[in-house]
All heavy atoms as atom14 arrays in JSON, in Angstrom:
{
  "sequence": "LLDCDNTLCLSERLAFEACTDLTNEVLEKWGKSERYTVEQLLEDFVGH",
  "atom14_mask": [
    [1, 1, 1, 1, 1, 1, 1, 1, 0, 0, 0, 0, 0, 0],
    [1, 1, 1, 1, 1, 1, 1, 1, 0, 0, 0, 0, 0, 0],
    [1, 1, 1, 1, 1, 1, 1, 1, 0, 0, 0, 0, 0, 0],
    [1, 1, 1, 1, 1, 1, 0, 0, 0, 0, 0, 0, 0, 0],
    [1, 1, 1, 1, 1, 1, 1, 1, 0, 0, 0, 0, 0, 0],
    [1, 1, 1, 1, 1, 1, 1, 1, 0, 0, 0, 0, 0, 0],
    [1, 1, 1, 1, 1, 1, 1, 0, 0, 0, 0, 0, 0, 0],
    [1, 1, 1, 1, 1, 1, 1, 1, 0, 0, 0, 0, 0, 0],
    [1, 1, 1, 1, 1, 1, 0, 0, 0, 0, 0, 0, 0, 0],
    [1, 1, 1, 1, 1, 1, 1, 1, 0, 0, 0, 0, 0, 0],
    [1, 1, 1, 1, 1, 1, 0, 0, 0, 0, 0, 0, 0, 0],
    [1, 1, 1, 1, 1, 1, 1, 1, 1, 0, 0, 0, 0, 0],
    [1, 1, 1, 1, 1, 1, 1, 1, 1, 1, 1, 0, 0, 0],
    [1, 1, 1, 1, 1, 1, 1, 1, 0, 0, 0, 0, 0, 0],
    [1, 1, 1, 1, 1, 0, 0, 0, 0, 0, 0, 0, 0, 0],
    [1, 1, 1, 1, 1, 1, 1, 1, 1, 1, 1, 0, 0, 0],
    [1, 1, 1, 1, 1, 1, 1, 1, 1, 0, 0, 0, 0, 0],
    [1, 1, 1, 1, 1, 0, 0, 0, 0, 0, 0, 0, 0, 0],
    [1, 1, 1, 1, 1, 1, 0, 0, 0, 0, 0, 0, 0, 0],
    [1, 1, 1, 1, 1, 1, 1, 0, 0, 0, 0, 0, 0, 0],
    [1, 1, 1, 1, 1, 1, 1, 1, 0, 0, 0, 0, 0, 0],
    [1, 1, 1, 1, 1, 1, 1, 1, 0, 0, 0, 0, 0, 0],
    [1, 1, 1, 1, 1, 1, 1, 0, 0, 0, 0, 0, 0, 0],
    [1, 1, 1, 1, 1, 1, 1, 1, 0, 0, 0, 0, 0, 0],
    [1, 1, 1, 1, 1, 1, 1, 1, 1, 0, 0, 0, 0, 0],
    [1, 1, 1, 1, 1, 1, 1, 0, 0, 0, 0, 0, 0, 0],
    [1, 1, 1, 1, 1, 1, 1, 1, 0, 0, 0, 0, 0, 0],
    [1, 1, 1, 1, 1, 1, 1, 1, 1, 0, 0, 0, 0, 0],
    [1, 1, 1, 1, 1, 1, 1, 1, 1, 0, 0, 0, 0, 0],
    [1, 1, 1, 1, 1, 1, 1, 1, 1, 1, 1, 1, 1, 1],
    [1, 1, 1, 1, 0, 0, 0, 0, 0, 0, 0, 0, 0, 0],
    [1, 1, 1, 1, 1, 1, 1, 1, 1, 0, 0, 0, 0, 0],
    [1, 1, 1, 1, 1, 1, 0, 0, 0, 0, 0, 0, 0, 0],
    [1, 1, 1, 1, 1, 1, 1, 1, 1, 0, 0, 0, 0, 0],
    [1, 1, 1, 1, 1, 1, 1, 1, 1, 1, 1, 0, 0, 0],
    [1, 1, 1, 1, 1, 1, 1, 1, 1, 1, 1, 1, 0, 0],
    [1, 1, 1, 1, 1, 1, 1, 0, 0, 0, 0, 0, 0, 0],
    [1, 1, 1, 1, 1, 1, 1, 0, 0, 0, 0, 0, 0, 0],
    [1, 1, 1, 1, 1, 1, 1, 1, 1, 0, 0, 0, 0, 0],
    [1, 1, 1, 1, 1, 1, 1, 1, 1, 0, 0, 0, 0, 0],
    [1, 1, 1, 1, 1, 1, 1, 1, 0, 0, 0, 0, 0, 0],
    [1, 1, 1, 1, 1, 1, 1, 1, 0, 0, 0, 0, 0, 0],
    [1, 1, 1, 1, 1, 1, 1, 1, 1, 0, 0, 0, 0, 0],
    [1, 1, 1, 1, 1, 1, 1, 1, 0, 0, 0, 0, 0, 0],
    [1, 1, 1, 1, 1, 1, 1, 1, 1, 1, 1, 0, 0, 0],
    [1, 1, 1, 1, 1, 1, 1, 0, 0, 0, 0, 0, 0, 0],
    [1, 1, 1, 1, 0, 0, 0, 0, 0, 0, 0, 0, 0, 0],
    [1, 1, 1, 1, 1, 1, 1, 1, 1, 1, 0, 0, 0, 0]
  ],
  "atom14_positions": [
    [[-9.99, -25.28, 27.32], [-9.09, -26.17, 26.57], [-8.97, -27.49, 27.34], [-8.82, -27.48, 28.55], [-7.71, -25.51, 26.43], [-7.7, -24.07, 25.9], [-6.28, -23.54, 25.86], [-8.35, -23.99, 24.53], [0.0, 0.0, 0.0], [0.0, 0.0, 0.0], [0.0, 0.0, 0.0], [0.0, 0.0, 0.0], [0.0, 0.0, 0.0], [0.0, 0.0, 0.0]],
    [[-9.05, -28.58, 26.64], [-9.1, -29.88, 27.31], [-8.12, -30.86, 26.7], [-8.1, -31.09, 25.47], [-10.52, -30.45, 27.18], [-11.62, -29.59, 27.85], [-12.98, -29.9, 27.27], [-11.62, -29.82, 29.34], [0.0, 0.0, 0.0], [0.0, 0.0, 0.0], [0.0, 0.0, 0.0], [0.0, 0.0, 0.0], [0.0, 0.0, 0.0], [0.0, 0.0, 0.0]],
    [[-7.3, -31.47, 27.54], [-6.49, -32.61, 27.13], [-7.44, -33.75, 26.79], [-8.57, -33.79, 27.29], [-5.52, -32.98, 28.24], [-4.68, -34.19, 27.9], [-4.14, -34.24, 26.79], [-4.54, -35.09, 28.76], [0.0, 0.0, 0.0], [0.0, 0.0, 0.0], [0.0, 0.0, 0.0], [0.0, 0.0, 0.0], [0.0, 0.0, 0.0], [0.0, 0.0, 0.0]],
    [[-7.0, -34.7, 25.99], [-7.87, -35.83, 25.63], [-7.53, -37.08, 26.43], [-8.36, -37.58, 27.19], [-7.75, -36.12, 24.14], [-8.8, -37.48, 23.58], [0.0, 0.0, 0.0], [0.0, 0.0, 0.0], [0.0, 0.0, 0.0], [0.0, 0.0, 0.0], [0.0, 0.0, 0.0], [0.0, 0.0, 0.0], [0.0, 0.0, 0.0], [0.0, 0.0, 0.0]],
    [[-6.31, -37.61, 26.29], [-5.97, -38.91, 26.86], [-5.98, -38.88, 28.39], [-5.24, -38.13, 29.02], [-4.59, -39.34, 26.37], [-4.56, -39.56, 24.87], [-5.51, -40.15, 24.33], [-3.58, -39.11, 24.22], [0.0, 0.0, 0.0], [0.0, 0.0, 0.0], [0.0, 0.0, 0.0], [0.0, 0.0, 0.0], [0.0, 0.0, 0.0], [0.0, 0.0, 0.0]],
    [[-6.84, -39.72, 28.96], [-7.01, -39.87, 30.4], [-7.5, -38.58, 31.1], [-7.41, -38.45, 32.32], [-5.73, -40.37, 31.09], [-5.64, -41.88, 31.01], [-6.3, -42.53, 30.21], [-4.81, -42.46, 31.88], [0.0, 0.0, 0.0], [0.0, 0.0, 0.0], [0.0, 0.0, 0.0], [0.0, 0.0, 0.0], [0.0, 0.0, 0.0], [0.0, 0.0, 0.0]],
    [[-8.04, -37.66, 30.29], [-8.7, -36.49, 30.83], [-10.15, -36.49, 30.38], [-11.07, -36.51, 31.17], [-7.99, -35.18, 30.4], [-6.66, -35.19, 30.91], [-8.72, -33.96, 30.92], [0.0, 0.0, 0.0], [0.0, 0.0, 0.0], [0.0, 0.0, 0.0], [0.0, 0.0, 0.0], [0.0, 0.0, 0.0], [0.0, 0.0, 0.0], [0.0, 0.0, 0.0]],
    [[-10.36, -36.52, 29.07], [-11.69, -36.72, 28.5], [-11.99, -38.2, 28.3], [-13.1, -38.66, 28.58], [-11.82, -36.01, 27.14], [-11.83, -34.48, 27.16], [-11.83, -33.96, 25.71], [-13.03, -33.94, 27.91], [0.0, 0.0, 0.0], [0.0, 0.0, 0.0], [0.0, 0.0, 0.0], [0.0, 0.0, 0.0], [0.0, 0.0, 0.0], [0.0, 0.0, 0.0]],
    [[-11.0, -38.93, 27.83], [-11.19, -40.34, 27.45], [-10.21, -41.25, 28.17], [-9.06, -40.87, 28.4], [-10.98, -40.48, 25.94], [-12.09, -39.49, 24.92], [0.0, 0.0, 0.0], [0.0, 0.0, 0.0], [0.0, 0.0, 0.0], [0.0, 0.0, 0.0], [0.0, 0.0, 0.0], [0.0, 0.0, 0.0], [0.0, 0.0, 0.0], [0.0, 0.0, 0.0]],
    [[-10.68, -42.43, 28.51], [-9.82, -43.45, 29.12], [-9.05, -44.15, 28.01], [-9.32, -45.29, 27.66], [-10.65, -44.45, 29.93], [-11.23, -43.91, 31.24], [-12.24, -44.9, 31.82], [-10.13, -43.64, 32.25], [0.0, 0.0, 0.0], [0.0, 0.0, 0.0], [0.0, 0.0, 0.0], [0.0, 0.0, 0.0], [0.0, 0.0, 0.0], [0.0, 0.0, 0.0]],
    [[-8.08, -43.45, 27.48], [-7.41, -43.91, 26.26], [-5.9, -44.21, 26.47], [-5.31, -44.9, 25.64], [-7.52, -42.85, 25.18], [-7.15, -41.56, 25.65], [0.0, 0.0, 0.0], [0.0, 0.0, 0.0], [0.0, 0.0, 0.0], [0.0, 0.0, 0.0], [0.0, 0.0, 0.0], [0.0, 0.0, 0.0], [0.0, 0.0, 0.0], [0.0, 0.0, 0.0]],
    [[-5.32, -43.72, 27.52], [-3.87, -43.82, 27.67], [-3.4, -45.28, 27.77], [-2.49, -45.7, 27.09], [-3.4, -43.04, 28.88], [-1.93, -42.65, 28.85], [-1.62, -41.5, 27.92], [-1.78, -40.33, 28.33], [-1.21, -41.76, 26.78], [0.0, 0.0, 0.0], [0.0, 0.0, 0.0], [0.0, 0.0, 0.0], [0.0, 0.0, 0.0], [0.0, 0.0, 0.0]],
    [[-4.06, -46.05, 28.64], [-3.64, -47.45, 28.82], [-3.86, -48.25, 27.51], [-3.02, -49.06, 27.14], [-4.37, -48.09, 29.98], [-3.99, -49.54, 30.25], [-4.52, -50.03, 31.57], [-3.83, -49.38, 32.67], [-2.68, -49.81, 33.22], [-2.1, -50.9, 32.71], [-2.12, -49.17, 34.22], [0.0, 0.0, 0.0], [0.0, 0.0, 0.0], [0.0, 0.0, 0.0]],
    [[-4.99, -48.01, 26.85], [-5.23, -48.7, 25.58], [-4.13, -48.37, 24.58], [-3.64, -49.26, 23.87], [-6.59, -48.27, 25.02], [-7.83, -48.78, 25.74], [-9.08, -48.09, 25.2], [-7.97, -50.3, 25.61], [0.0, 0.0, 0.0], [0.0, 0.0, 0.0], [0.0, 0.0, 0.0], [0.0, 0.0, 0.0], [0.0, 0.0, 0.0], [0.0, 0.0, 0.0]],
    [[-3.75, -47.11, 24.52], [-2.73, -46.7, 23.58], [-1.38, -47.33, 23.91], [-0.65, -47.78, 23.01], [-2.62, -45.17, 23.58], [0.0, 0.0, 0.0], [0.0, 0.0, 0.0], [0.0, 0.0, 0.0], [0.0, 0.0, 0.0], [0.0, 0.0, 0.0], [0.0, 0.0, 0.0], [0.0, 0.0, 0.0], [0.0, 0.0, 0.0], [0.0, 0.0, 0.0]],
    [[-1.06, -47.37, 25.2], [0.22, -47.95, 25.61], [0.22, -49.46, 25.39], [1.28, -50.03, 25.11], [0.56, -47.57, 27.03], [1.26, -46.27, 27.16], [0.56, -45.07, 27.03], [2.63, -46.2, 27.39], [1.22, -43.85, 27.12], [3.28, -44.99, 27.49], [2.6, -43.8, 27.37], [0.0, 0.0, 0.0], [0.0, 0.0, 0.0], [0.0, 0.0, 0.0]],
    [[-0.92, -50.09, 25.53], [-0.98, -51.54, 25.18], [-0.62, -51.74, 23.72], [0.11, -52.68, 23.38], [-2.4, -52.05, 25.42], [-2.75, -52.23, 26.9], [-4.21, -52.64, 27.09], [-4.91, -52.83, 26.08], [-4.64, -52.74, 28.27], [0.0, 0.0, 0.0], [0.0, 0.0, 0.0], [0.0, 0.0, 0.0], [0.0, 0.0, 0.0], [0.0, 0.0, 0.0]],
    [[-1.11, -50.84, 22.86], [-0.85, -50.99, 21.44], [0.59, -50.68, 21.05], [1.11, -51.24, 20.09], [-1.78, -50.05, 20.65], [0.0, 0.0, 0.0], [0.0, 0.0, 0.0], [0.0, 0.0, 0.0], [0.0, 0.0, 0.0], [0.0, 0.0, 0.0], [0.0, 0.0, 0.0], [0.0, 0.0, 0.0], [0.0, 0.0, 0.0], [0.0, 0.0, 0.0]],
    [[1.25, -49.78, 21.81], [2.6, -49.39, 21.39], [3.73, -50.09, 22.16], [4.89, -49.95, 21.79], [2.78, -47.86, 21.48], [2.94, -47.2, 23.14], [0.0, 0.0, 0.0], [0.0, 0.0, 0.0], [0.0, 0.0, 0.0], [0.0, 0.0, 0.0], [0.0, 0.0, 0.0], [0.0, 0.0, 0.0], [0.0, 0.0, 0.0], [0.0, 0.0, 0.0]],
    [[3.4, -50.89, 23.17], [4.46, -51.59, 23.92], [5.2, -52.59, 23.03], [6.44, -52.67, 23.05], [3.86, -52.32, 25.14], [3.3, -51.34, 26.04], [4.94, -53.09, 25.88], [0.0, 0.0, 0.0], [0.0, 0.0, 0.0], [0.0, 0.0, 0.0], [0.0, 0.0, 0.0], [0.0, 0.0, 0.0], [0.0, 0.0, 0.0], [0.0, 0.0, 0.0]],
    [[4.47, -53.33, 22.2], [5.15, -54.28, 21.31], [6.08, -53.57, 20.35], [7.2, -54.04, 20.1], [4.1, -55.08, 20.53], [3.37, -56.09, 21.38], [3.84, -56.38, 22.5], [2.31, -56.59, 20.93], [0.0, 0.0, 0.0], [0.0, 0.0, 0.0], [0.0, 0.0, 0.0], [0.0, 0.0, 0.0], [0.0, 0.0, 0.0], [0.0, 0.0, 0.0]],
    [[5.66, -52.43, 19.81], [6.52, -51.68, 18.89], [7.75, -51.14, 19.62], [8.87, -51.13, 19.07], [5.75, -50.52, 18.26], [4.89, -50.88, 17.05], [4.15, -49.64, 16.58], [5.75, -51.43, 15.92], [0.0, 0.0, 0.0], [0.0, 0.0, 0.0], [0.0, 0.0, 0.0], [0.0, 0.0, 0.0], [0.0, 0.0, 0.0], [0.0, 0.0, 0.0]],
    [[7.56, -50.68, 20.84], [8.69, -50.19, 21.64], [9.74, -51.29, 21.83], [10.92, -51.07, 21.64], [8.19, -49.69, 23.0], [7.3, -48.61, 22.81], [9.36, -49.23, 23.88], [0.0, 0.0, 0.0], [0.0, 0.0, 0.0], [0.0, 0.0, 0.0], [0.0, 0.0, 0.0], [0.0, 0.0, 0.0], [0.0, 0.0, 0.0], [0.0, 0.0, 0.0]],
    [[9.27, -52.47, 22.2], [10.19, -53.57, 22.41], [10.83, -54.06, 21.11], [11.98, -54.5, 21.1], [9.48, -54.72, 23.12], [9.15, -54.39, 24.56], [9.87, -53.61, 25.2], [8.08, -54.97, 25.09], [0.0, 0.0, 0.0], [0.0, 0.0, 0.0], [0.0, 0.0, 0.0], [0.0, 0.0, 0.0], [0.0, 0.0, 0.0], [0.0, 0.0, 0.0]],
    [[10.11, -53.92, 20.01], [10.68, -54.26, 18.7], [11.83, -53.32, 18.38], [12.88, -53.73, 17.87], [9.6, -54.15, 17.62], [10.09, -54.45, 16.21], [9.02, -54.25, 15.15], [7.86, -54.7, 15.38], [9.34, -53.62, 14.11], [0.0, 0.0, 0.0], [0.0, 0.0, 0.0], [0.0, 0.0, 0.0], [0.0, 0.0, 0.0], [0.0, 0.0, 0.0]],
    [[11.64, -52.02, 18.67], [12.71, -51.04, 18.44], [13.95, -51.4, 19.26], [15.08, -51.41, 18.74], [12.23, -49.61, 18.79], [13.39, -48.65, 18.87], [11.2, -49.13, 17.78], [0.0, 0.0, 0.0], [0.0, 0.0, 0.0], [0.0, 0.0, 0.0], [0.0, 0.0, 0.0], [0.0, 0.0, 0.0], [0.0, 0.0, 0.0], [0.0, 0.0, 0.0]],
    [[13.75, -51.7, 20.53], [14.88, -52.02, 21.41], [15.62, -53.26, 20.91], [16.86, -53.31, 20.91], [14.4, -52.23, 22.85], [13.91, -50.97, 23.57], [13.22, -51.33, 24.88], [15.06, -50.0, 23.82], [0.0, 0.0, 0.0], [0.0, 0.0, 0.0], [0.0, 0.0, 0.0], [0.0, 0.0, 0.0], [0.0, 0.0, 0.0], [0.0, 0.0, 0.0]],
    [[14.86, -54.25, 20.46], [15.51, -55.48, 19.95], [16.26, -55.19, 18.65], [17.42, -55.64, 18.47], [14.45, -56.56, 19.69], [15.05, -57.86, 19.19], [13.98, -58.94, 19.02], [12.79, -58.64, 19.16], [14.37, -60.09, 18.71], [0.0, 0.0, 0.0], [0.0, 0.0, 0.0], [0.0, 0.0, 0.0], [0.0, 0.0, 0.0], [0.0, 0.0, 0.0]],
    [[15.66, -54.43, 17.78], [16.28, -54.14, 16.48], [17.59, -53.37, 16.64], [18.53, -53.55, 15.87], [15.31, -53.34, 15.6], [15.8, -53.07, 14.19], [14.74, -52.44, 13.34], [15.23, -52.18, 11.92], [14.19, -51.58, 11.05], [0.0, 0.0, 0.0], [0.0, 0.0, 0.0], [0.0, 0.0, 0.0], [0.0, 0.0, 0.0], [0.0, 0.0, 0.0]],
    [[17.63, -52.47, 17.66], [18.83, -51.7, 17.87], [19.76, -52.3, 18.94], [20.62, -51.64, 19.49], [18.47, -50.25, 18.23], [18.34, -49.38, 17.01], [19.31, -48.6, 16.45], [17.21, -49.25, 16.15], [18.84, -47.99, 15.3], [17.56, -48.37, 15.09], [15.93, -49.81, 16.15], [16.69, -48.02, 14.07], [15.04, -49.44, 15.13], [15.43, -48.56, 14.1]],
    [[19.55, -53.62, 19.16], [20.51, -54.38, 19.96], [20.48, -54.11, 21.45], [21.5, -54.3, 22.13], [0.0, 0.0, 0.0], [0.0, 0.0, 0.0], [0.0, 0.0, 0.0], [0.0, 0.0, 0.0], [0.0, 0.0, 0.0], [0.0, 0.0, 0.0], [0.0, 0.0, 0.0], [0.0, 0.0, 0.0], [0.0, 0.0, 0.0], [0.0, 0.0, 0.0]],
    [[19.33, -53.7, 21.98], [19.22, -53.42, 23.4], [18.46, -54.55, 24.11], [17.48, -55.05, 23.58], [18.49, -52.09, 23.65], [19.19, -50.9, 22.96], [20.6, -50.72, 23.49], [21.39, -49.71, 22.72], [22.79, -49.57, 23.21], [0.0, 0.0, 0.0], [0.0, 0.0, 0.0], [0.0, 0.0, 0.0], [0.0, 0.0, 0.0], [0.0, 0.0, 0.0]],
    [[18.94, -54.92, 25.29], [18.37, -56.09, 25.98], [17.13, -55.74, 26.79], [16.35, -56.61, 27.16], [19.42, -56.71, 26.9], [19.86, -55.76, 27.88], [0.0, 0.0, 0.0], [0.0, 0.0, 0.0], [0.0, 0.0, 0.0], [0.0, 0.0, 0.0], [0.0, 0.0, 0.0], [0.0, 0.0, 0.0], [0.0, 0.0, 0.0], [0.0, 0.0, 0.0]],
    [[16.94, -54.45, 27.1], [15.82, -54.04, 27.93], [14.48, -54.26, 27.2], [14.4, -54.14, 25.98], [15.93, -52.55, 28.33], [17.15, -52.21, 29.16], [18.38, -51.89, 28.33], [18.34, -52.11, 27.09], [19.37, -51.43, 28.91], [0.0, 0.0, 0.0], [0.0, 0.0, 0.0], [0.0, 0.0, 0.0], [0.0, 0.0, 0.0], [0.0, 0.0, 0.0]],
    [[13.46, -54.57, 27.98], [12.09, -54.72, 27.45], [11.12, -54.05, 28.42], [11.35, -54.06, 29.63], [11.72, -56.19, 27.25], [12.61, -56.93, 26.24], [12.43, -56.42, 24.82], [13.26, -57.17, 23.87], [14.49, -56.86, 23.52], [15.07, -55.76, 24.04], [15.16, -57.58, 22.67], [0.0, 0.0, 0.0], [0.0, 0.0, 0.0], [0.0, 0.0, 0.0]],
    [[10.04, -53.52, 27.9], [9.06, -52.82, 28.71], [7.76, -53.59, 28.82], [7.32, -54.24, 27.87], [8.74, -51.46, 28.08], [9.77, -50.38, 28.33], [10.85, -50.21, 27.47], [9.65, -49.54, 29.42], [11.79, -49.22, 27.69], [10.58, -48.52, 29.67], [11.64, -48.37, 28.79], [12.58, -47.39, 28.99], [0.0, 0.0, 0.0], [0.0, 0.0, 0.0]],
    [[7.13, -53.52, 30.0], [5.74, -53.89, 30.14], [4.9, -52.65, 29.92], [5.43, -51.52, 29.87], [5.43, -54.45, 31.55], [5.65, -53.37, 32.51], [6.34, -55.62, 31.89], [0.0, 0.0, 0.0], [0.0, 0.0, 0.0], [0.0, 0.0, 0.0], [0.0, 0.0, 0.0], [0.0, 0.0, 0.0], [0.0, 0.0, 0.0], [0.0, 0.0, 0.0]],
    [[3.59, -52.81, 29.78], [2.71, -51.66, 29.63], [2.85, -50.72, 30.82], [2.95, -49.49, 30.66], [1.23, -52.12, 29.48], [0.3, -50.92, 29.46], [1.06, -52.96, 28.22], [0.0, 0.0, 0.0], [0.0, 0.0, 0.0], [0.0, 0.0, 0.0], [0.0, 0.0, 0.0], [0.0, 0.0, 0.0], [0.0, 0.0, 0.0], [0.0, 0.0, 0.0]],
    [[2.91, -51.3, 32.03], [3.0, -50.5, 33.25], [4.29, -49.69, 33.28], [4.3, -48.53, 33.68], [2.88, -51.4, 34.49], [1.5, -51.93, 34.76], [1.06, -52.99, 33.76], [1.93, -53.64, 33.12], [-0.16, -53.14, 33.56], [0.0, 0.0, 0.0], [0.0, 0.0, 0.0], [0.0, 0.0, 0.0], [0.0, 0.0, 0.0], [0.0, 0.0, 0.0]],
    [[5.39, -50.32, 32.92], [6.69, -49.61, 32.92], [6.71, -48.49, 31.9], [7.25, -47.41, 32.16], [7.83, -50.61, 32.63], [8.09, -51.58, 33.74], [8.99, -52.73, 33.33], [9.07, -53.07, 32.14], [9.7, -53.32, 34.27], [0.0, 0.0, 0.0], [0.0, 0.0, 0.0], [0.0, 0.0, 0.0], [0.0, 0.0, 0.0], [0.0, 0.0, 0.0]],
    [[6.14, -48.74, 30.74], [6.1, -47.72, 29.69], [5.24, -46.53, 30.14], [5.6, -45.37, 29.92], [5.58, -48.33, 28.41], [6.02, -47.68, 27.08], [7.53, -47.78, 26.93], [5.34, -48.36, 25.9], [0.0, 0.0, 0.0], [0.0, 0.0, 0.0], [0.0, 0.0, 0.0], [0.0, 0.0, 0.0], [0.0, 0.0, 0.0], [0.0, 0.0, 0.0]],
    [[4.11, -46.82, 30.77], [3.26, -45.77, 31.31], [4.01, -44.94, 32.35], [3.92, -43.7, 32.37], [2.01, -46.38, 31.92], [0.81, -46.63, 31.0], [-0.2, -47.57, 31.66], [0.14, -45.33, 30.59], [0.0, 0.0, 0.0], [0.0, 0.0, 0.0], [0.0, 0.0, 0.0], [0.0, 0.0, 0.0], [0.0, 0.0, 0.0], [0.0, 0.0, 0.0]],
    [[4.72, -45.61, 33.23], [5.43, -44.92, 34.3], [6.47, -43.95, 33.73], [6.61, -42.83, 34.22], [6.11, -45.93, 35.21], [6.85, -45.34, 36.41], [5.89, -44.75, 37.44], [4.73, -45.2, 37.54], [6.33, -43.82, 38.14], [0.0, 0.0, 0.0], [0.0, 0.0, 0.0], [0.0, 0.0, 0.0], [0.0, 0.0, 0.0], [0.0, 0.0, 0.0]],
    [[7.15, -44.39, 32.69], [8.25, -43.56, 32.13], [7.75, -42.5, 31.13], [8.38, -41.46, 31.02], [9.28, -44.46, 31.45], [10.19, -45.17, 32.42], [9.99, -45.0, 33.64], [11.07, -45.94, 31.97], [0.0, 0.0, 0.0], [0.0, 0.0, 0.0], [0.0, 0.0, 0.0], [0.0, 0.0, 0.0], [0.0, 0.0, 0.0], [0.0, 0.0, 0.0]],
    [[6.68, -42.79, 30.43], [6.35, -41.94, 29.26], [4.9, -41.46, 29.2], [4.49, -40.93, 28.16], [6.7, -42.68, 27.98], [8.15, -42.96, 27.8], [8.66, -44.24, 27.96], [9.04, -41.92, 27.49], [10.02, -44.49, 27.81], [10.4, -42.16, 27.33], [10.89, -43.45, 27.49], [0.0, 0.0, 0.0], [0.0, 0.0, 0.0], [0.0, 0.0, 0.0]],
    [[4.14, -41.57, 30.28], [2.77, -41.09, 30.23], [2.75, -39.59, 29.91], [3.57, -38.83, 30.41], [2.02, -41.37, 31.56], [2.58, -40.55, 32.7], [0.52, -41.09, 31.4], [0.0, 0.0, 0.0], [0.0, 0.0, 0.0], [0.0, 0.0, 0.0], [0.0, 0.0, 0.0], [0.0, 0.0, 0.0], [0.0, 0.0, 0.0], [0.0, 0.0, 0.0]],
    [[1.85, -39.19, 29.01], [1.75, -37.8, 28.6], [2.59, -37.43, 27.4], [2.48, -36.32, 26.88], [0.0, 0.0, 0.0], [0.0, 0.0, 0.0], [0.0, 0.0, 0.0], [0.0, 0.0, 0.0], [0.0, 0.0, 0.0], [0.0, 0.0, 0.0], [0.0, 0.0, 0.0], [0.0, 0.0, 0.0], [0.0, 0.0, 0.0], [0.0, 0.0, 0.0]],
    [[3.43, -38.37, 26.93], [4.25, -38.12, 25.74], [3.64, -38.81, 24.54], [3.05, -39.89, 24.65], [5.67, -38.67, 25.95], [6.45, -37.98, 27.01], [7.43, -37.05, 26.73], [6.4, -38.07, 28.35], [7.95, -36.6, 27.86], [7.34, -37.2, 28.86], [0.0, 0.0, 0.0], [0.0, 0.0, 0.0], [0.0, 0.0, 0.0], [0.0, 0.0, 0.0]]
  ]
}
């Protein structure tokens, strides 16, 4: 059995690049001042 992201394929950073903007959009829409960089999002949520 094989995991895919960053095990078979170098896909995790690409995926987090794509979803960082959406993450920050959510935080802004719900009135939160925090914003994430790709690196910060990876640190907190890699594997999710």
